[in-house]
N, C-alpha and C. Protein backbone atom coordinates (compact mmCIF):
# COMPACT_ATOMS: atom_id res chain seq x y z
N UNK A 1 28.35 1.68 3.55
CA UNK A 1 28.56 2.19 4.23
C UNK A 1 27.67 3.86 4.14
N UNK A 2 28.35 4.08 2.90
CA UNK A 2 27.46 5.55 1.94
C UNK A 2 26.27 5.35 1.79
N UNK A 3 25.81 4.33 1.69
CA UNK A 3 24.18 4.25 1.75
C UNK A 3 23.53 4.61 2.87
N UNK A 4 24.22 4.06 3.87
CA UNK A 4 23.36 4.31 5.38
C UNK A 4 23.72 5.73 5.79
N UNK A 5 24.86 6.45 5.31
CA UNK A 5 24.63 7.92 5.78
C UNK A 5 23.91 8.57 5.15
N UNK A 6 23.63 8.05 3.56
CA UNK A 6 22.54 9.04 2.85
C UNK A 6 20.88 9.17 3.24
N UNK A 7 21.23 7.58 3.91
CA UNK A 7 19.91 7.48 4.56
C UNK A 7 19.07 7.96 5.82
N UNK A 8 20.34 8.25 6.55
CA UNK A 8 20.17 8.89 7.55
C UNK A 8 20.03 10.25 7.45
N UNK A 9 20.97 10.48 5.94
CA UNK A 9 20.61 12.28 5.74
C UNK A 9 18.86 12.48 5.31
N UNK A 10 18.40 11.29 4.78
CA UNK A 10 16.83 11.63 4.52
C UNK A 10 16.25 12.10 5.59
N UNK A 11 16.59 10.94 6.81
CA UNK A 11 15.67 10.71 7.69
C UNK A 11 15.81 12.21 8.77
N UNK A 12 16.50 12.90 8.70
CA UNK A 12 17.46 13.88 9.69
C UNK A 12 17.58 15.21 8.89
N UNK A 13 16.66 15.52 7.43
CA UNK A 13 16.69 15.93 6.56
C UNK A 13 16.67 17.58 7.10
N UNK A 14 15.30 17.37 7.77
CA UNK A 14 14.92 18.61 8.32
C UNK A 14 15.57 19.61 9.87
N UNK A 15 15.83 18.55 10.32
CA UNK A 15 16.79 18.77 11.39
C UNK A 15 17.96 19.09 11.02
N UNK A 16 18.43 18.75 9.67
CA UNK A 16 19.86 19.06 9.33
C UNK A 16 20.14 20.84 8.44
N UNK A 17 18.79 20.59 8.37
CA UNK A 17 18.75 22.50 7.88
C UNK A 17 18.36 23.49 8.91
N UNK A 18 17.52 22.69 9.97
CA UNK A 18 17.42 23.45 11.19
C UNK A 18 18.41 24.05 12.01
N UNK A 19 19.25 23.14 11.74
CA UNK A 19 21.05 23.16 12.68
C UNK A 19 21.34 24.31 11.71
N UNK A 20 21.38 23.72 10.45
CA UNK A 20 21.85 25.14 9.20
C UNK A 20 21.76 26.53 9.71
N UNK A 21 20.57 26.72 9.61
CA UNK A 21 19.87 27.74 9.49
C UNK A 21 20.26 28.49 10.97
N UNK A 22 20.19 27.60 12.37
CA UNK A 22 20.14 28.39 13.47
C UNK A 22 21.71 28.75 13.77
N UNK A 23 22.84 27.96 12.80
CA UNK A 23 24.47 27.98 12.87
C UNK A 23 24.35 29.66 11.99
N UNK A 24 23.96 29.65 10.75
CA UNK A 24 24.00 31.27 10.34
C UNK A 24 23.38 32.07 11.05
N UNK A 25 22.25 32.29 11.68
CA UNK A 25 21.46 33.12 12.35
C UNK A 25 22.70 33.31 13.44
N UNK A 26 23.17 32.39 14.11
CA UNK A 26 23.98 32.89 14.88
C UNK A 26 25.55 33.21 14.81
N UNK A 27 25.65 33.07 13.64
CA UNK A 27 27.24 33.96 12.91
C UNK A 27 26.98 35.24 13.01
N UNK A 28 25.46 35.43 12.22
CA UNK A 28 25.08 37.00 11.94
C UNK A 28 25.20 37.60 12.96
N UNK A 29 24.22 36.76 14.16
CA UNK A 29 24.16 37.72 15.28
C UNK A 29 25.69 38.11 15.86
N UNK A 30 26.44 37.50 15.86
CA UNK A 30 27.73 37.26 16.32
C UNK A 30 28.55 38.37 15.93
N UNK A 31 28.73 38.59 14.67
CA UNK A 31 28.77 39.26 13.50
C UNK A 31 28.65 40.72 13.83
N UNK A 32 27.02 41.08 13.33
CA UNK A 32 27.03 42.15 13.62
C UNK A 32 26.42 42.67 14.89
N UNK A 33 26.55 41.98 15.60
CA UNK A 33 26.41 42.59 17.25
C UNK A 33 24.56 42.62 17.48
N UNK A 34 24.13 42.28 17.01
CA UNK A 34 22.62 42.24 17.04
C UNK A 34 22.15 41.22 17.92
N UNK A 35 21.05 41.60 18.89
CA UNK A 35 20.55 40.67 19.97
C UNK A 35 19.22 40.43 19.58
N UNK A 36 19.02 39.50 19.11
CA UNK A 36 17.49 39.29 18.84
C UNK A 36 16.27 38.96 19.67
N UNK A 37 17.23 38.04 20.68
CA UNK A 37 16.49 37.80 21.92
C UNK A 37 15.44 39.50 22.46
N UNK A 38 16.55 40.27 22.27
CA UNK A 38 15.64 41.84 22.67
C UNK A 38 15.20 42.05 21.65
N UNK A 39 15.14 42.42 20.49
CA UNK A 39 13.72 42.95 19.55
C UNK A 39 12.87 42.02 19.71
N UNK A 40 13.07 40.37 19.57
CA UNK A 40 11.76 39.91 20.44
C UNK A 40 10.74 40.32 21.10
N UNK A 41 11.51 40.54 22.31
CA UNK A 41 11.25 41.11 23.92
C UNK A 41 9.98 42.53 23.38
N UNK A 42 11.14 43.51 22.31
CA UNK A 42 10.26 44.15 22.25
C UNK A 42 9.26 44.55 21.16
N UNK A 43 9.08 43.80 20.49
CA UNK A 43 7.92 42.99 20.03
C UNK A 43 7.00 42.84 20.85
N UNK A 44 6.88 41.99 21.67
CA UNK A 44 6.43 41.04 22.10
C UNK A 44 5.80 42.20 23.28
N UNK A 45 6.52 43.65 23.94
CA UNK A 45 5.46 44.44 24.49
C UNK A 45 5.00 45.18 23.68
N UNK A 46 5.34 45.59 22.54
CA UNK A 46 4.15 46.27 21.47
C UNK A 46 3.01 45.50 21.56
N UNK A 47 3.07 43.63 21.50
CA UNK A 47 1.76 43.54 21.76
C UNK A 47 0.79 43.27 22.35
N UNK A 48 1.67 43.35 23.70
CA UNK A 48 0.99 43.38 24.92
C UNK A 48 0.11 44.95 24.99
N UNK A 49 0.95 46.02 24.54
CA UNK A 49 0.26 47.20 24.62
C UNK A 49 -1.18 47.51 23.55
N UNK A 50 -1.06 46.57 23.22
CA UNK A 50 -2.09 46.56 22.02
C UNK A 50 -2.90 45.24 22.52
N UNK A 51 -3.05 44.39 23.53
CA UNK A 51 -3.71 43.35 24.12
C UNK A 51 -3.43 42.04 23.09
N UNK A 52 -2.54 41.80 22.52
CA UNK A 52 -2.74 40.95 21.07
C UNK A 52 -1.69 39.44 21.98
N UNK A 53 -0.97 39.88 22.54
CA UNK A 53 -0.10 38.70 23.08
C UNK A 53 -0.76 37.03 24.07
N UNK A 54 -2.12 38.01 24.46
CA UNK A 54 -3.22 36.64 24.67
C UNK A 54 -3.72 35.18 23.56
N UNK A 55 -3.23 36.32 22.36
CA UNK A 55 -3.80 35.46 21.10
C UNK A 55 -2.40 34.76 20.55
N UNK A 56 -1.28 35.17 20.97
CA UNK A 56 -0.14 34.24 20.27
C UNK A 56 -0.13 32.67 21.09
N UNK A 57 -0.09 32.67 22.08
CA UNK A 57 -0.20 31.42 22.74
C UNK A 57 -1.14 30.34 22.55
N UNK A 58 -2.10 31.03 22.26
CA UNK A 58 -2.98 30.03 21.24
C UNK A 58 -2.28 29.82 19.91
N UNK A 59 -2.00 30.62 19.12
CA UNK A 59 -2.00 30.61 18.08
C UNK A 59 -0.57 29.55 18.08
N UNK A 60 0.22 29.25 18.46
CA UNK A 60 1.46 28.66 18.50
C UNK A 60 1.10 27.61 19.16
N UNK A 61 0.56 27.34 20.04
CA UNK A 61 -0.19 25.37 19.95
C UNK A 61 -0.76 25.32 19.01
N UNK A 62 -1.75 25.92 18.41
CA UNK A 62 -2.56 25.50 17.27
C UNK A 62 -1.57 25.25 15.96
N UNK A 63 -1.07 25.78 16.19
CA UNK A 63 0.37 25.75 15.08
C UNK A 63 1.41 24.59 15.28
N UNK A 64 1.38 24.10 16.57
CA UNK A 64 2.10 22.99 16.89
C UNK A 64 1.29 21.73 16.17
N UNK A 65 0.15 21.84 16.46
CA UNK A 65 -0.56 20.50 16.50
C UNK A 65 -1.12 20.24 15.24
N UNK A 66 -1.42 21.42 14.47
CA UNK A 66 -1.00 21.84 12.58
C UNK A 66 0.30 20.73 12.40
N UNK A 67 1.38 21.37 12.83
CA UNK A 67 2.42 20.89 12.11
C UNK A 67 2.53 19.46 12.51
N UNK A 68 2.21 19.18 14.04
CA UNK A 68 2.46 17.58 14.08
C UNK A 68 1.41 16.97 13.27
N UNK A 69 0.10 17.08 12.75
CA UNK A 69 -0.64 16.59 12.43
C UNK A 69 -0.14 16.32 11.06
N UNK A 70 0.30 17.60 9.99
CA UNK A 70 1.16 17.48 8.98
C UNK A 70 1.96 16.17 8.90
N UNK A 71 2.71 16.04 9.72
CA UNK A 71 3.90 14.99 10.08
C UNK A 71 3.51 13.82 9.58
N UNK A 72 2.62 13.50 10.69
CA UNK A 72 1.67 12.16 11.23
C UNK A 72 1.25 11.64 9.90
N UNK A 73 0.19 12.78 9.27
CA UNK A 73 0.06 12.00 8.00
C UNK A 73 0.78 11.57 6.68
N UNK A 74 2.02 12.42 6.84
CA UNK A 74 2.92 12.15 5.34
C UNK A 74 3.49 10.99 5.86
N UNK A 75 3.52 10.73 7.25
CA UNK A 75 4.26 9.12 7.48
C UNK A 75 3.26 8.10 6.85
N UNK A 76 2.09 8.05 7.05
CA UNK A 76 1.00 7.46 6.79
C UNK A 76 0.52 7.61 5.81
N UNK A 77 0.99 8.42 4.81
CA UNK A 77 0.66 8.44 3.17
C UNK A 77 2.43 7.51 2.55
N UNK A 78 3.40 7.67 3.32
CA UNK A 78 4.22 7.38 2.97
C UNK A 78 4.44 5.47 3.17
N UNK A 79 3.84 5.30 4.27
CA UNK A 79 4.00 3.88 4.29
C UNK A 79 2.45 3.22 3.70
N UNK A 80 1.85 3.85 3.53
CA UNK A 80 0.30 3.42 2.47
C UNK A 80 1.20 3.28 1.35
N UNK A 81 2.00 4.30 0.36
CA UNK A 81 2.46 4.28 -1.00
C UNK A 81 3.24 2.54 -0.97
N UNK A 82 3.89 2.92 -0.01
CA UNK A 82 5.23 1.31 -0.11
C UNK A 82 4.24 0.13 0.49
N UNK A 83 3.32 0.01 0.82
CA UNK A 83 2.58 -1.05 1.13
C UNK A 83 2.10 -1.47 -0.28
N UNK A 84 1.77 -0.46 -1.31
CA UNK A 84 0.99 -0.20 -2.38
C UNK A 84 1.92 -0.95 -3.50
N UNK A 85 3.28 -0.50 -3.34
CA UNK A 85 4.53 -0.94 -4.20
C UNK A 85 4.99 -2.28 -4.08
N UNK A 86 4.52 -2.87 -2.95
CA UNK A 86 4.97 -4.40 -2.39
C UNK A 86 3.88 -5.30 -2.98
N UNK A 87 2.73 -4.59 -2.28
CA UNK A 87 1.50 -5.60 -3.60
C UNK A 87 1.52 -5.86 -4.76
N UNK A 88 1.45 -4.55 -5.23
CA UNK A 88 1.55 -5.05 -7.06
C UNK A 88 3.06 -5.61 -7.44
N UNK A 89 4.53 -5.47 -6.68
CA UNK A 89 5.08 -6.37 -6.96
C UNK A 89 4.71 -8.07 -6.52
N UNK A 90 4.25 -7.99 -5.77
CA UNK A 90 3.81 -9.59 -5.31
C UNK A 90 2.44 -10.02 -6.43
N UNK A 91 1.51 -8.89 -6.40
CA UNK A 91 0.79 -9.63 -7.77
C UNK A 91 1.42 -9.63 -8.97
N UNK A 92 2.39 -9.13 -9.42
CA UNK A 92 2.91 -9.33 -10.99
C UNK A 92 3.77 -10.41 -10.52
N UNK A 93 4.60 -10.73 -9.49
CA UNK A 93 5.19 -12.08 -9.50
C UNK A 93 4.40 -13.02 -9.24
N UNK A 94 3.09 -13.41 -8.68
CA UNK A 94 1.64 -14.01 -8.82
C UNK A 94 1.33 -14.79 -9.75
N UNK A 95 0.82 -13.57 -11.16
CA UNK A 95 0.56 -13.63 -12.13
C UNK A 95 1.71 -14.16 -12.77
N UNK A 96 3.01 -14.26 -12.94
CA UNK A 96 4.15 -14.79 -13.50
C UNK A 96 3.89 -15.99 -13.05
N UNK A 97 3.99 -16.74 -11.67
CA UNK A 97 3.98 -17.85 -11.70
C UNK A 97 2.85 -18.50 -11.79
N UNK A 98 1.81 -18.20 -11.83
CA UNK A 98 0.50 -18.50 -12.01
C UNK A 98 0.55 -18.90 -14.13
N UNK A 99 0.96 -18.09 -14.65
CA UNK A 99 1.13 -18.25 -16.04
C UNK A 99 1.48 -19.14 -16.24
N UNK A 100 2.80 -19.43 -15.69
CA UNK A 100 3.93 -20.73 -15.97
C UNK A 100 3.18 -21.92 -15.34
N UNK A 101 2.74 -21.82 -14.17
CA UNK A 101 1.72 -23.12 -14.33
C UNK A 101 0.55 -23.54 -14.96
N UNK A 102 0.00 -22.50 -16.02
CA UNK A 102 -1.10 -22.71 -16.46
C UNK A 102 -0.50 -23.29 -17.82
N UNK A 103 0.37 -22.50 -18.19
CA UNK A 103 1.08 -23.32 -19.52
C UNK A 103 1.68 -24.57 -19.19
N UNK A 104 2.19 -25.28 -18.24
CA UNK A 104 2.90 -26.55 -17.76
C UNK A 104 1.61 -27.08 -17.43
N UNK A 105 0.22 -26.93 -17.03
CA UNK A 105 -0.54 -27.53 -16.57
C UNK A 105 -1.56 -28.31 -18.50
N UNK A 106 -1.42 -27.24 -19.04
CA UNK A 106 -1.58 -27.66 -20.62
C UNK A 106 -0.99 -28.84 -20.96
N UNK A 107 0.11 -29.51 -20.57
CA UNK A 107 0.38 -30.88 -21.33
C UNK A 107 -0.29 -31.77 -20.45
N UNK A 108 -0.89 -31.57 -18.96
CA UNK A 108 -1.55 -32.27 -18.82
C UNK A 108 -3.34 -32.59 -19.64
N UNK A 109 -3.59 -31.30 -19.96
CA UNK A 109 -4.99 -31.35 -20.64
C UNK A 109 -4.87 -32.20 -21.90
N UNK A 110 -3.93 -31.86 -22.37
CA UNK A 110 -3.69 -32.36 -24.03
C UNK A 110 -3.34 -33.63 -24.03
N UNK A 111 -2.99 -34.74 -23.03
CA UNK A 111 -2.76 -35.92 -23.07
C UNK A 111 -3.88 -36.14 -22.38
N UNK A 112 -4.97 -35.75 -21.70
CA UNK A 112 -6.30 -36.44 -21.31
C UNK A 112 -7.04 -36.00 -22.62
N UNK A 113 -7.06 -34.97 -23.44
CA UNK A 113 -7.84 -35.06 -24.67
C UNK A 113 -7.69 -35.92 -25.56
N UNK A 114 -6.31 -36.68 -25.71
CA UNK A 114 -5.78 -37.43 -26.35
C UNK A 114 -6.15 -39.14 -26.06
N UNK A 115 -6.31 -39.27 -24.72
CA UNK A 115 -6.81 -40.40 -24.02
C UNK A 115 -7.82 -40.79 -24.58
N UNK A 116 -8.34 -41.78 -24.95
CA UNK A 116 -9.71 -42.94 -25.31
C UNK A 116 -10.32 -42.91 -23.84
N UNK A 117 -11.25 -42.58 -24.00
CA UNK A 117 -12.39 -42.99 -22.96
C UNK A 117 -12.23 -41.83 -21.68
N UNK A 118 -11.27 -40.69 -22.04
CA UNK A 118 -11.41 -39.73 -20.43
C UNK A 118 -12.55 -39.13 -20.63
N UNK A 119 -13.02 -38.94 -19.63
CA UNK A 119 -14.59 -37.86 -19.39
C UNK A 119 -14.58 -36.83 -19.77
N UNK A 120 -14.95 -36.18 -20.94
CA UNK A 120 -14.82 -35.11 -21.54
C UNK A 120 -15.57 -34.27 -20.33
N UNK A 121 -16.51 -34.53 -19.56
CA UNK A 121 -16.95 -33.30 -18.16
C UNK A 121 -15.73 -33.19 -17.30
N UNK A 122 -15.13 -33.59 -17.40
CA UNK A 122 -13.52 -33.20 -16.58
C UNK A 122 -13.30 -32.11 -17.26
N UNK A 123 -12.67 -32.32 -18.54
CA UNK A 123 -11.92 -31.61 -19.23
C UNK A 123 -12.92 -30.07 -19.05
N UNK A 124 -14.20 -30.30 -19.02
CA UNK A 124 -14.98 -28.81 -19.25
C UNK A 124 -15.03 -28.18 -17.78
N UNK A 125 -14.90 -29.38 -16.91
CA UNK A 125 -14.57 -28.53 -15.45
C UNK A 125 -13.36 -28.51 -15.55
N UNK A 126 -12.06 -29.03 -15.87
CA UNK A 126 -10.78 -28.29 -15.62
C UNK A 126 -11.00 -26.95 -16.42
N UNK A 127 -11.56 -26.87 -17.55
CA UNK A 127 -11.54 -25.50 -18.10
C UNK A 127 -12.67 -24.23 -17.03
N UNK A 128 -13.23 -24.93 -16.78
CA UNK A 128 -14.12 -23.54 -15.72
C UNK A 128 -13.18 -23.62 -14.52
N UNK A 129 -12.34 -24.50 -14.13
CA UNK A 129 -11.23 -24.23 -12.90
C UNK A 129 -10.38 -23.22 -13.36
N UNK A 130 -9.91 -23.61 -14.21
CA UNK A 130 -8.53 -22.88 -14.70
C UNK A 130 -9.23 -21.31 -15.53
N UNK A 131 -10.38 -21.20 -15.36
CA UNK A 131 -10.89 -19.51 -16.05
C UNK A 131 -11.62 -18.90 -14.15
N UNK A 132 -11.79 -19.73 -13.28
CA UNK A 132 -12.20 -19.37 -12.28
C UNK A 132 -11.14 -18.84 -11.66
N UNK A 133 -9.49 -19.36 -11.55
CA UNK A 133 -8.68 -19.37 -11.19
C UNK A 133 -7.96 -18.04 -11.90
N UNK A 134 -7.99 -17.72 -13.24
CA UNK A 134 -7.60 -16.52 -14.19
C UNK A 134 -8.65 -15.20 -13.26
N UNK A 135 -9.81 -15.68 -13.09
CA UNK A 135 -10.39 -14.22 -12.79
C UNK A 135 -10.30 -13.80 -11.42
N UNK A 136 -10.14 -14.86 -10.65
CA UNK A 136 -9.59 -14.52 -9.10
C UNK A 136 -8.40 -13.94 -9.57
N UNK A 137 -7.38 -14.09 -9.58
CA UNK A 137 -5.83 -13.29 -10.11
C UNK A 137 -6.01 -12.30 -10.32
N UNK A 138 -6.82 -11.99 -11.31
CA UNK A 138 -7.19 -10.36 -12.17
C UNK A 138 -7.88 -9.77 -11.35
N UNK A 139 -8.84 -10.40 -10.34
CA UNK A 139 -9.57 -9.65 -9.64
C UNK A 139 -8.94 -9.06 -8.39
N UNK A 140 -7.97 -10.08 -7.74
CA UNK A 140 -6.73 -9.46 -6.87
C UNK A 140 -5.94 -8.28 -7.29
N UNK A 141 -5.33 -8.47 -8.58
CA UNK A 141 -4.39 -7.51 -9.00
C UNK A 141 -5.60 -6.73 -9.19
N UNK A 142 -6.73 -6.44 -9.19
CA UNK A 142 -7.01 -4.98 -9.55
C UNK A 142 -7.81 -4.44 -8.69
N UNK A 143 -7.49 -4.65 -7.39
CA UNK A 143 -7.67 -3.90 -5.94
C UNK A 143 -7.30 -2.74 -6.22
N UNK A 144 -8.26 -1.53 -5.45
CA UNK A 144 -8.50 -0.07 -5.73
C UNK A 144 -7.92 0.00 -4.27
N UNK A 145 -8.35 -0.40 -3.34
CA UNK A 145 -8.35 -0.16 -2.07
C UNK A 145 -7.76 -1.22 -1.04
N UNK A 146 -6.46 -1.54 -0.82
CA UNK A 146 -5.76 -2.44 -0.73
C UNK A 146 -6.14 -2.49 0.90
N UNK A 147 -6.88 -3.39 1.51
CA UNK A 147 -6.62 -4.17 2.74
C UNK A 147 -7.36 -5.58 2.94
N UNK A 148 -7.56 -6.01 4.17
CA UNK A 148 -7.98 -7.38 4.28
C UNK A 148 -8.69 -7.63 3.62
N UNK A 149 -9.93 -7.15 4.29
CA UNK A 149 -11.41 -7.20 3.67
C UNK A 149 -11.47 -7.03 2.03
N UNK A 150 -10.96 -6.71 1.25
CA UNK A 150 -11.22 -6.28 -0.06
C UNK A 150 -10.03 -7.64 -0.73
N UNK A 151 -9.24 -8.03 -0.41
CA UNK A 151 -8.34 -8.81 -0.87
C UNK A 151 -9.14 -10.41 -0.54
N UNK A 152 -9.70 -10.68 0.40
CA UNK A 152 -10.36 -11.68 0.92
C UNK A 152 -11.46 -11.76 0.17
N UNK A 153 -12.58 -10.67 -0.17
CA UNK A 153 -13.66 -10.43 -0.87
C UNK A 153 -13.23 -11.11 -2.59
N UNK A 154 -12.75 -10.30 -2.83
CA UNK A 154 -11.42 -10.88 -4.11
C UNK A 154 -11.55 -11.89 -4.59
N UNK A 155 -10.93 -12.94 -3.60
CA UNK A 155 -10.76 -14.51 -3.80
C UNK A 155 -11.75 -15.44 -3.14
N UNK A 156 -12.85 -14.47 -2.87
CA UNK A 156 -13.60 -15.90 -2.44
C UNK A 156 -14.60 -16.59 -3.51
N UNK A 157 -14.04 -18.07 -2.94
CA UNK A 157 -14.60 -18.95 -3.97
C UNK A 157 -16.31 -18.76 -4.54
N UNK A 158 -16.41 -19.23 -5.58
CA UNK A 158 -17.79 -19.11 -6.17
C UNK A 158 -18.64 -20.71 -5.77
N UNK A 159 -19.28 -20.19 -5.46
CA UNK A 159 -20.29 -21.30 -5.00
C UNK A 159 -20.11 -22.38 -5.44
N UNK A 160 -20.71 -22.18 -6.80
CA UNK A 160 -21.44 -23.53 -7.81
C UNK A 160 -19.46 -24.03 -8.27
N UNK A 161 -18.23 -23.76 -8.26
CA UNK A 161 -17.18 -24.53 -8.36
C UNK A 161 -16.98 -25.13 -7.59
N UNK A 162 -17.11 -25.01 -6.12
CA UNK A 162 -16.77 -26.42 -5.10
C UNK A 162 -17.67 -27.47 -5.44
N UNK A 163 -18.84 -26.95 -5.77
CA UNK A 163 -19.77 -28.29 -5.82
C UNK A 163 -19.44 -28.94 -7.17
N UNK A 164 -19.32 -28.39 -8.32
CA UNK A 164 -19.04 -28.98 -9.63
C UNK A 164 -17.81 -29.89 -9.06
N UNK A 165 -16.51 -29.61 -8.20
CA UNK A 165 -15.44 -30.42 -8.13
C UNK A 165 -15.67 -31.65 -7.41
N UNK A 166 -16.67 -31.42 -6.17
CA UNK A 166 -17.09 -32.23 -5.30
C UNK A 166 -17.83 -33.41 -6.01
N UNK A 167 -19.10 -32.89 -7.03
CA UNK A 167 -19.83 -33.66 -8.06
C UNK A 167 -18.77 -34.91 -8.57
N UNK A 168 -18.01 -34.21 -9.54
CA UNK A 168 -17.22 -35.45 -10.02
C UNK A 168 -15.92 -35.82 -9.52
N UNK A 169 -15.73 -35.40 -8.15
CA UNK A 169 -14.91 -36.18 -7.55
C UNK A 169 -15.32 -37.30 -6.66
N UNK A 170 -16.88 -37.53 -6.38
CA UNK A 170 -17.43 -38.49 -5.73
C UNK A 170 -18.10 -39.18 -6.68
N UNK A 171 -18.47 -39.02 -8.41
CA UNK A 171 -18.81 -39.14 -9.16
C UNK A 171 -20.45 -38.92 -9.32
N UNK A 172 -20.29 -38.09 -8.14
CA UNK A 172 -22.24 -38.26 -8.10
C UNK A 172 -22.24 -37.06 -9.24
N UNK A 173 -22.61 -37.25 -10.48
CA UNK A 173 -23.18 -36.43 -11.86
C UNK A 173 -24.65 -36.53 -12.43
N UNK A 174 -25.00 -36.98 -11.11
CA UNK A 174 -26.45 -37.33 -11.64
C UNK A 174 -27.30 -35.94 -11.51
N UNK A 175 -26.69 -35.20 -10.72
CA UNK A 175 -27.51 -33.83 -10.30
C UNK A 175 -27.02 -32.79 -11.64
N UNK A 176 -27.68 -31.99 -12.22
CA UNK A 176 -26.80 -31.15 -13.05
C UNK A 176 -25.53 -30.86 -12.80
N UNK A 177 -24.30 -30.30 -13.30
CA UNK A 177 -23.16 -29.56 -13.40
C UNK A 177 -22.88 -28.12 -13.04
N UNK A 178 -24.15 -27.41 -14.14
CA UNK A 178 -24.03 -26.14 -14.64
C UNK A 178 -25.15 -25.36 -14.43
N UNK A 179 -25.40 -24.66 -13.95
CA UNK A 179 -26.57 -23.82 -14.00
C UNK A 179 -27.53 -23.71 -15.47
N UNK A 180 -28.73 -23.75 -15.55
CA UNK A 180 -29.11 -23.28 -17.10
C UNK A 180 -29.85 -22.13 -16.69
């Protein structure tokens, strides 16, 4: 309950400050019998005498849009910062899961290395696939501009890896597996 009140206070901080300032000004004007509106009207009349009043409306309109733009940009930046935090947390978790998986898969590699007659080319391909996956995860973790296109580009499969896997799977190893 207390957490939600604090969140609401944060969301409406400027509104609450504005309310407090307006109450203070109201109390001061009542206590001092000061008529702020009439002071404002007399200032505007002085501007009228100097023909400055035409600029005031334009300045107020411009200031409103500048203020609105600043608020909009602040919200946008806040969302972007949250996206980056979430992305980095996800990447950290992905690294942890992948490292656990790679450590567990090493058992299969050690068994394959100890098995007589196991094709050594498959072990070389295994190492290359693991290296490729690690490189893709590292590339994914090093993205500076987090958007869909850069994420897809960082994990795009390397053309040779798919060909090598297909060659070993189909037994078609007459073609060279590796570039020379």
